[in-house]
PDB file of N, CA and C in Angstrom:
ATOM      1  N   MET A   1       0.821  -1.199   0.000  1.00  0.00           N
ATOM      2  CA  MET A   1       0.000   0.000   0.000  1.00  0.00           C
ATOM      3  C   MET A   1       0.866   1.265   0.000  1.00  0.00           C
ATOM      4  N   ARG A   2       1.938   1.243   0.775  1.00  0.00           N
ATOM      5  CA  ARG A   2       2.798   2.416   0.858  1.00  0.00           C
ATOM      6  C   ARG A   2       3.533   2.655  -0.463  1.00  0.00           C
ATOM      7  N   LYS A   3       3.936   1.572  -1.130  1.00  0.00           N
ATOM      8  CA  LYS A   3       4.598   1.703  -2.423  1.00  0.00           C
ATOM      9  C   LYS A   3       3.686   2.386  -3.430  1.00  0.00           C
ATOM     10  N   ASN A   4       2.411   2.052  -3.384  1.00  0.00           N
ATOM     11  CA  ASN A   4       1.459   2.653  -4.316  1.00  0.00           C
ATOM     12  C   ASN A   4       1.349   4.156  -4.093  1.00  0.00           C
ATOM     13  N   ARG A   5       1.386   4.584  -2.851  1.00  0.00           N
ATOM     14  CA  ARG A   5       1.312   6.018  -2.555  1.00  0.00           C
ATOM     15  C   ARG A   5       2.553   6.739  -3.071  1.00  0.00           C
ATOM     16  N   VAL A   6       3.696   6.145  -2.837  1.00  0.00           N
ATOM     17  CA  VAL A   6       4.936   6.757  -3.302  1.00  0.00           C
ATOM     18  C   VAL A   6       4.925   6.855  -4.821  1.00  0.00           C
ATOM     19  N   ARG A   7       4.480   5.813  -5.479  1.00  0.00           N
ATOM     20  CA  ARG A   7       4.386   5.840  -6.943  1.00  0.00           C
ATOM     21  C   ARG A   7       3.396   6.895  -7.407  1.00  0.00           C
ATOM     22  N   LEU A   8       2.282   7.021  -6.705  1.00  0.00           N
ATOM     23  CA  LEU A   8       1.278   8.016  -7.062  1.00  0.00           C
ATOM     24  C   LEU A   8       1.839   9.423  -6.900  1.00  0.00           C
ATOM     25  N   ILE A   9       2.587   9.656  -5.833  1.00  0.00           N
ATOM     26  CA  ILE A   9       3.203  10.959  -5.621  1.00  0.00           C
ATOM     27  C   ILE A   9       4.202  11.259  -6.733  1.00  0.00           C
ATOM     28  N   ALA A  10       5.039  10.299  -7.039  1.00  0.00           N
ATOM     29  CA  ALA A  10       6.039  10.494  -8.085  1.00  0.00           C
ATOM     30  C   ALA A  10       5.378  10.741  -9.440  1.00  0.00           C
ATOM     31  N   LEU A  11       4.343   9.984  -9.731  1.00  0.00           N
ATOM     32  CA  LEU A  11       3.632  10.163 -10.994  1.00  0.00           C
ATOM     33  C   LEU A  11       2.958  11.526 -11.058  1.00  0.00           C
ATOM     34  N   THR A  12       2.324  11.923  -9.979  1.00  0.00           N
ATOM     35  CA  THR A  12       1.664  13.231  -9.937  1.00  0.00           C
ATOM     36  C   THR A  12       2.676  14.348 -10.130  1.00  0.00           C
ATOM     37  N   ALA A  13       3.800  14.260  -9.436  1.00  0.00           N
ATOM     38  CA  ALA A  13       4.834  15.291  -9.570  1.00  0.00           C
ATOM     39  C   ALA A  13       5.373  15.341 -10.992  1.00  0.00           C
ATOM     40  N   ALA A  14       5.586  14.183 -11.584  1.00  0.00           N
ATOM     41  CA  ALA A  14       6.099  14.142 -12.951  1.00  0.00           C
ATOM     42  C   ALA A  14       5.089  14.728 -13.934  1.00  0.00           C
ATOM     43  N   LEU A  15       3.829  14.399 -13.763  1.00  0.00           N
ATOM     44  CA  LEU A  15       2.799  14.930 -14.659  1.00  0.00           C
ATOM     45  C   LEU A  15       2.648  16.437 -14.510  1.00  0.00           C
ATOM     46  N   VAL A  16       2.671  16.916 -13.282  1.00  0.00           N
ATOM     47  CA  VAL A  16       2.531  18.354 -13.062  1.00  0.00           C
ATOM     48  C   VAL A  16       3.712  19.097 -13.663  1.00  0.00           C
ATOM     49  N   SER A  17       4.926  18.602 -13.403  1.00  0.00           N
ATOM     50  CA  SER A  17       6.096  19.296 -13.939  1.00  0.00           C
ATOM     51  C   SER A  17       6.157  19.202 -15.456  1.00  0.00           C
ATOM     52  N   ALA A  18       5.711  18.104 -16.028  1.00  0.00           N
ATOM     53  CA  ALA A  18       5.706  17.969 -17.487  1.00  0.00           C
ATOM     54  C   ALA A  18       4.636  18.851 -18.121  1.00  0.00           C
ATOM     55  N   SER A  19       3.537  19.024 -17.414  1.00  0.00           N
ATOM     56  CA  SER A  19       2.445  19.794 -17.993  1.00  0.00           C
ATOM     57  C   SER A  19       2.729  21.289 -18.007  1.00  0.00           C
ATOM     58  N   ILE A  20       3.566  21.769 -17.092  1.00  0.00           N
ATOM     59  CA  ILE A  20       3.845  23.203 -17.073  1.00  0.00           C
ATOM     60  C   ILE A  20       5.125  23.543 -17.817  1.00  0.00           C
ATOM     61  N   GLY A  21       5.798  22.550 -18.348  1.00  0.00           N
ATOM     62  CA  GLY A  21       6.990  22.783 -19.157  1.00  0.00           C
ATOM     63  C   GLY A  21       8.240  22.860 -18.313  1.00  0.00           C
ATOM     64  N   THR A  22       9.346  22.596 -18.945  1.00  0.00           N
ATOM     65  CA  THR A  22      10.595  22.574 -18.191  1.00  0.00           C
ATOM     66  C   THR A  22      11.041  23.963 -17.779  1.00  0.00           C
ATOM     67  N   ALA A  23      10.723  24.974 -18.556  1.00  0.00           N
ATOM     68  CA  ALA A  23      11.141  26.325 -18.200  1.00  0.00           C
ATOM     69  C   ALA A  23      10.418  26.821 -16.957  1.00  0.00           C
ATOM     70  N   ASN A  24       9.214  26.368 -16.737  1.00  0.00           N
ATOM     71  CA  ASN A  24       8.429  26.831 -15.602  1.00  0.00           C
ATOM     72  C   ASN A  24       8.387  25.825 -14.456  1.00  0.00           C
ATOM     73  N   ALA A  25       9.108  24.727 -14.557  1.00  0.00           N
ATOM     74  CA  ALA A  25       9.007  23.663 -13.568  1.00  0.00           C
ATOM     75  C   ALA A  25       9.995  23.802 -12.414  1.00  0.00           C
ATOM     76  N   ALA A  26      10.744  24.874 -12.374  1.00  0.00           N
ATOM     77  CA  ALA A  26      11.756  25.043 -11.332  1.00  0.00           C
ATOM     78  C   ALA A  26      11.110  24.974  -9.948  1.00  0.00           C
ATOM     79  N   GLY A  27      11.613  24.103  -9.122  1.00  0.00           N
ATOM     80  CA  GLY A  27      11.123  23.976  -7.758  1.00  0.00           C
ATOM     81  C   GLY A  27       9.916  23.088  -7.593  1.00  0.00           C
ATOM     82  N   CYS A  28       9.246  22.754  -8.672  1.00  0.00           N
ATOM     83  CA  CYS A  28       8.002  21.994  -8.577  1.00  0.00           C
ATOM     84  C   CYS A  28       8.239  20.574  -8.083  1.00  0.00           C
ATOM     85  N   LEU A  29       9.199  19.907  -8.659  1.00  0.00           N
ATOM     86  CA  LEU A  29       9.413  18.507  -8.302  1.00  0.00           C
ATOM     87  C   LEU A  29       9.857  18.361  -6.852  1.00  0.00           C
ATOM     88  N   LYS A  30      10.810  19.187  -6.434  1.00  0.00           N
ATOM     89  CA  LYS A  30      11.273  19.116  -5.044  1.00  0.00           C
ATOM     90  C   LYS A  30      10.130  19.474  -4.086  1.00  0.00           C
ATOM     91  N   GLY A  31       9.370  20.504  -4.411  1.00  0.00           N
ATOM     92  CA  GLY A  31       8.237  20.899  -3.578  1.00  0.00           C
ATOM     93  C   GLY A  31       7.169  19.830  -3.521  1.00  0.00           C
ATOM     94  N   ALA A  32       6.944  19.144  -4.647  1.00  0.00           N
ATOM     95  CA  ALA A  32       5.939  18.089  -4.682  1.00  0.00           C
ATOM     96  C   ALA A  32       6.343  16.918  -3.797  1.00  0.00           C
ATOM     97  N   VAL A  33       7.620  16.577  -3.812  1.00  0.00           N
ATOM     98  CA  VAL A  33       8.078  15.472  -2.972  1.00  0.00           C
ATOM     99  C   VAL A  33       7.930  15.830  -1.499  1.00  0.00           C
ATOM    100  N   VAL A  34       8.394  17.014  -1.123  1.00  0.00           N
ATOM    101  CA  VAL A  34       8.299  17.446   0.274  1.00  0.00           C
ATOM    102  C   VAL A  34       6.834  17.566   0.700  1.00  0.00           C
ATOM    103  N   GLY A  35       6.021  18.177  -0.146  1.00  0.00           N
ATOM    104  CA  GLY A  35       4.605  18.325   0.165  1.00  0.00           C
ATOM    105  C   GLY A  35       3.877  16.999   0.237  1.00  0.00           C
ATOM    106  N   GLY A  36       4.246  16.066  -0.627  1.00  0.00           N
ATOM    107  CA  GLY A  36       3.624  14.741  -0.612  1.00  0.00           C
ATOM    108  C   GLY A  36       3.929  13.988   0.662  1.00  0.00           C
ATOM    109  N   VAL A  37       5.174  14.051   1.092  1.00  0.00           N
ATOM    110  CA  VAL A  37       5.552  13.377   2.342  1.00  0.00           C
ATOM    111  C   VAL A  37       4.852  14.036   3.521  1.00  0.00           C
ATOM    112  N   ALA A  38       4.862  15.364   3.558  1.00  0.00           N
ATOM    113  CA  ALA A  38       4.192  16.073   4.654  1.00  0.00           C
ATOM    114  C   ALA A  38       2.689  15.779   4.662  1.00  0.00           C
ATOM    115  N   GLY A  39       2.078  15.777   3.486  1.00  0.00           N
ATOM    116  CA  GLY A  39       0.653  15.477   3.395  1.00  0.00           C
ATOM    117  C   GLY A  39       0.328  14.063   3.822  1.00  0.00           C
ATOM    118  N   HIS A  40       1.215  13.140   3.513  1.00  0.00           N
ATOM    119  CA  HIS A  40       0.996  11.748   3.917  1.00  0.00           C
ATOM    120  C   HIS A  40       0.974  11.622   5.435  1.00  0.00           C
ATOM    121  N   TYR A  41       1.929  12.261   6.085  1.00  0.00           N
ATOM    122  CA  TYR A  41       2.002  12.154   7.537  1.00  0.00           C
ATOM    123  C   TYR A  41       0.979  13.042   8.240  1.00  0.00           C
ATOM    124  N   ALA A  42       0.396  13.973   7.547  1.00  0.00           N
ATOM    125  CA  ALA A  42      -0.589  14.862   8.147  1.00  0.00           C
ATOM    126  C   ALA A  42      -2.013  14.387   7.887  1.00  0.00           C
ATOM    127  N   GLY A  43      -2.199  13.134   7.667  1.00  0.00           N
ATOM    128  CA  GLY A  43      -3.554  12.619   7.510  1.00  0.00           C
ATOM    129  C   GLY A  43      -3.808  11.956   6.183  1.00  0.00           C
ATOM    130  N   HIS A  44      -2.806  11.372   5.593  1.00  0.00           N
ATOM    131  CA  HIS A  44      -2.953  10.623   4.335  1.00  0.00           C
ATOM    132  C   HIS A  44      -3.498  11.487   3.200  1.00  0.00           C
ATOM    133  N   HIS A  45      -2.951  12.687   3.077  1.00  0.00           N
ATOM    134  CA  HIS A  45      -3.316  13.593   1.987  1.00  0.00           C
ATOM    135  C   HIS A  45      -2.098  13.847   1.112  1.00  0.00           C
ATOM    136  N   ALA A  46      -1.460  12.780   0.671  1.00  0.00           N
ATOM    137  CA  ALA A  46      -0.203  12.889  -0.063  1.00  0.00           C
ATOM    138  C   ALA A  46      -0.368  13.612  -1.393  1.00  0.00           C
ATOM    139  N   VAL A  47      -1.420  13.317  -2.115  1.00  0.00           N
ATOM    140  CA  VAL A  47      -1.601  13.936  -3.432  1.00  0.00           C
ATOM    141  C   VAL A  47      -1.867  15.431  -3.284  1.00  0.00           C
ATOM    142  N   ALA A  48      -2.723  15.792  -2.350  1.00  0.00           N
ATOM    143  CA  ALA A  48      -2.992  17.218  -2.115  1.00  0.00           C
ATOM    144  C   ALA A  48      -1.720  17.924  -1.661  1.00  0.00           C
ATOM    145  N   GLY A  49      -0.944  17.270  -0.824  1.00  0.00           N
ATOM    146  CA  GLY A  49       0.323  17.848  -0.386  1.00  0.00           C
ATOM    147  C   GLY A  49       1.297  18.011  -1.530  1.00  0.00           C
ATOM    148  N   ALA A  50       1.325  17.039  -2.432  1.00  0.00           N
ATOM    149  CA  ALA A  50       2.225  17.114  -3.587  1.00  0.00           C
ATOM    150  C   ALA A  50       1.853  18.272  -4.503  1.00  0.00           C
ATOM    151  N   VAL A  51       0.586  18.448  -4.735  1.00  0.00           N
ATOM    152  CA  VAL A  51       0.135  19.551  -5.589  1.00  0.00           C
ATOM    153  C   VAL A  51       0.456  20.889  -4.924  1.00  0.00           C
ATOM    154  N   GLY A  52       0.141  21.009  -3.646  1.00  0.00           N
ATOM    155  CA  GLY A  52       0.447  22.238  -2.920  1.00  0.00           C
ATOM    156  C   GLY A  52       1.938  22.502  -2.853  1.00  0.00           C
ATOM    157  N   GLY A  53       2.708  21.455  -2.629  1.00  0.00           N
ATOM    158  CA  GLY A  53       4.159  21.596  -2.587  1.00  0.00           C
ATOM    159  C   GLY A  53       4.734  22.042  -3.911  1.00  0.00           C
ATOM    160  N   CYS A  54       4.170  21.548  -4.988  1.00  0.00           N
ATOM    161  CA  CYS A  54       4.610  21.957  -6.320  1.00  0.00           C
ATOM    162  C   CYS A  54       4.370  23.447  -6.518  1.00  0.00           C
ATOM    163  N   ILE A  55       3.218  23.910  -6.129  1.00  0.00           N
ATOM    164  CA  ILE A  55       2.881  25.328  -6.289  1.00  0.00           C
ATOM    165  C   ILE A  55       3.813  26.199  -5.455  1.00  0.00           C
ATOM    166  N   VAL A  56       3.998  25.827  -4.194  1.00  0.00           N
ATOM    167  CA  VAL A  56       4.867  26.606  -3.303  1.00  0.00           C
ATOM    168  C   VAL A  56       6.314  26.541  -3.774  1.00  0.00           C
ATOM    169  N   GLY A  57       6.773  25.355  -4.149  1.00  0.00           N
ATOM    170  CA  GLY A  57       8.144  25.208  -4.626  1.00  0.00           C
ATOM    171  C   GLY A  57       8.418  26.042  -5.868  1.00  0.00           C
ATOM    172  N   HIS A  58       7.460  26.073  -6.780  1.00  0.00           N
ATOM    173  CA  HIS A  58       7.613  26.877  -7.990  1.00  0.00           C
ATOM    174  C   HIS A  58       7.670  28.361  -7.640  1.00  0.00           C
ATOM    175  N   HIS A  59       6.816  28.793  -6.730  1.00  0.00           N
ATOM    176  CA  HIS A  59       6.793  30.195  -6.310  1.00  0.00           C
ATOM    177  C   HIS A  59       8.127  30.604  -5.688  1.00  0.00           C
ATOM    178  N   LEU A  60       8.639  29.760  -4.792  1.00  0.00           N
ATOM    179  CA  LEU A  60       9.905  30.072  -4.133  1.00  0.00           C
ATOM    180  C   LEU A  60      11.072  30.072  -5.111  1.00  0.00           C
ATOM    181  N   ALA A  61      11.069  29.154  -6.064  1.00  0.00           N
ATOM    182  CA  ALA A  61      12.133  29.114  -7.060  1.00  0.00           C
ATOM    183  C   ALA A  61      12.094  30.358  -7.943  1.00  0.00           C
ATOM    184  N   LYS A  62      10.906  30.788  -8.303  1.00  0.00           N
ATOM    185  CA  LYS A  62      10.761  31.992  -9.119  1.00  0.00           C
ATOM    186  C   LYS A  62      11.240  33.224  -8.349  1.00  0.00           C
ATOM    187  N   LYS A  63      10.879  33.291  -7.087  1.00  0.00           N
ATOM    188  CA  LYS A  63      11.299  34.410  -6.236  1.00  0.00           C
ATOM    189  C   LYS A  63      12.828  34.424  -6.103  1.00  0.00           C
ATOM    190  N   HIS A  64      13.420  33.253  -5.911  1.00  0.00           N
ATOM    191  CA  HIS A  64      14.868  33.149  -5.795  1.00  0.00           C
ATOM    192  C   HIS A  64      15.554  33.580  -7.090  1.00  0.00           C
ATOM    193  N   ALA A  65      15.009  33.176  -8.226  1.00  0.00           N
ATOM    194  CA  ALA A  65      15.580  33.561  -9.518  1.00  0.00           C
ATOM    195  C   ALA A  65      15.501  35.068  -9.731  1.00  0.00           C
ATOM    196  N   GLU A  66      14.407  35.675  -9.320  1.00  0.00           N
ATOM    197  CA  GLU A  66      14.268  37.133  -9.443  1.00  0.00           C
ATOM    198  C   GLU A  66      15.280  37.860  -8.563  1.00  0.00           C
ATOM    199  N   GLU A  67      15.500  37.342  -7.350  1.00  0.00           N
ATOM    200  CA  GLU A  67      16.487  37.950  -6.457  1.00  0.00           C
ATOM    201  C   GLU A  67      17.895  37.835  -7.034  1.00  0.00           C
ATOM    202  N   LYS A  68      18.215  36.678  -7.609  1.00  0.00           N
ATOM    203  CA  LYS A  68      19.531  36.501  -8.242  1.00  0.00           C
ATOM    204  C   LYS A  68      19.701  37.452  -9.413  1.00  0.00           C
ATOM    205  N   ALA A  69      18.661  37.619 -10.217  1.00  0.00           N
ATOM    206  CA  ALA A  69      18.729  38.526 -11.361  1.00  0.00           C
ATOM    207  C   ALA A  69      18.925  39.962 -10.893  1.00  0.00           C
ATOM    208  N   ALA A  70      18.265  40.338  -9.813  1.00  0.00           N
ATOM    209  CA  ALA A  70      18.419  41.688  -9.270  1.00  0.00           C
ATOM    210  C   ALA A  70      19.835  41.901  -8.747  1.00  0.00           C
ATOM    211  N   GLN A  71      20.414  40.880  -8.135  1.00  0.00           N
ATOM    212  CA  GLN A  71      21.792  40.985  -7.645  1.00  0.00           C
ATOM    213  C   GLN A  71      22.768  41.127  -8.811  1.00  0.00           C
ATOM    214  N   ARG A  72      22.549  40.351  -9.866  1.00  0.00           N
ATOM    215  CA  ARG A  72      23.411  40.458 -11.046  1.00  0.00           C
ATOM    216  C   ARG A  72      23.288  41.824 -11.695  1.00  0.00           C
ATOM    217  N   GLN A  73      22.074  42.331 -11.744  1.00  0.00           N
ATOM    218  CA  GLN A  73      21.827  43.658 -12.337  1.00  0.00           C
ATOM    219  C   GLN A  73      22.530  44.725 -11.517  1.00  0.00           C
ATOM    220  N   ALA A  74      22.455  44.610 -10.193  1.00  0.00           N
ATOM    221  CA  ALA A  74      23.102  45.594  -9.319  1.00  0.00           C
ATOM    222  C   ALA A  74      24.622  45.516  -9.426  1.00  0.00           C
ATOM    223  N   ALA A  75      25.153  44.328  -9.645  1.00  0.00           N
ATOM    224  CA  ALA A  75      26.603  44.164  -9.752  1.00  0.00           C
ATOM    225  C   ALA A  75      27.131  44.751 -11.053  1.00  0.00           C
ATOM    226  N   HIS A  76      26.311  44.796 -12.084  1.00  0.00           N
ATOM    227  CA  HIS A  76      26.753  45.314 -13.384  1.00  0.00           C
ATOM    228  C   HIS A  76      26.646  46.828 -13.472  1.00  0.00           C
ATOM    229  N   THR A  77      25.975  47.459 -12.552  1.00  0.00           N
ATOM    230  CA  THR A  77      25.825  48.911 -12.637  1.00  0.00           C
ATOM    231  C   THR A  77      26.794  49.636 -11.763  1.00  0.00           C
TER     232      THR A  77
END
């Protein structure tokens, strides 16, 4: 039973990251794994956790990329 959940989480993360494209998938897979594990232990909501983790992971990765770009821009001026 546990193997099936892990496979479902991995499949969900792969489908979500593939559906949004590789350019926009930054942080999604790592967030989905962390969210899936947290959701599993928080009441067997692994899939919901994986989806939420993907969204949060993508947001944080985008924010980090913007901060890096701003630092590079400031260094060039």
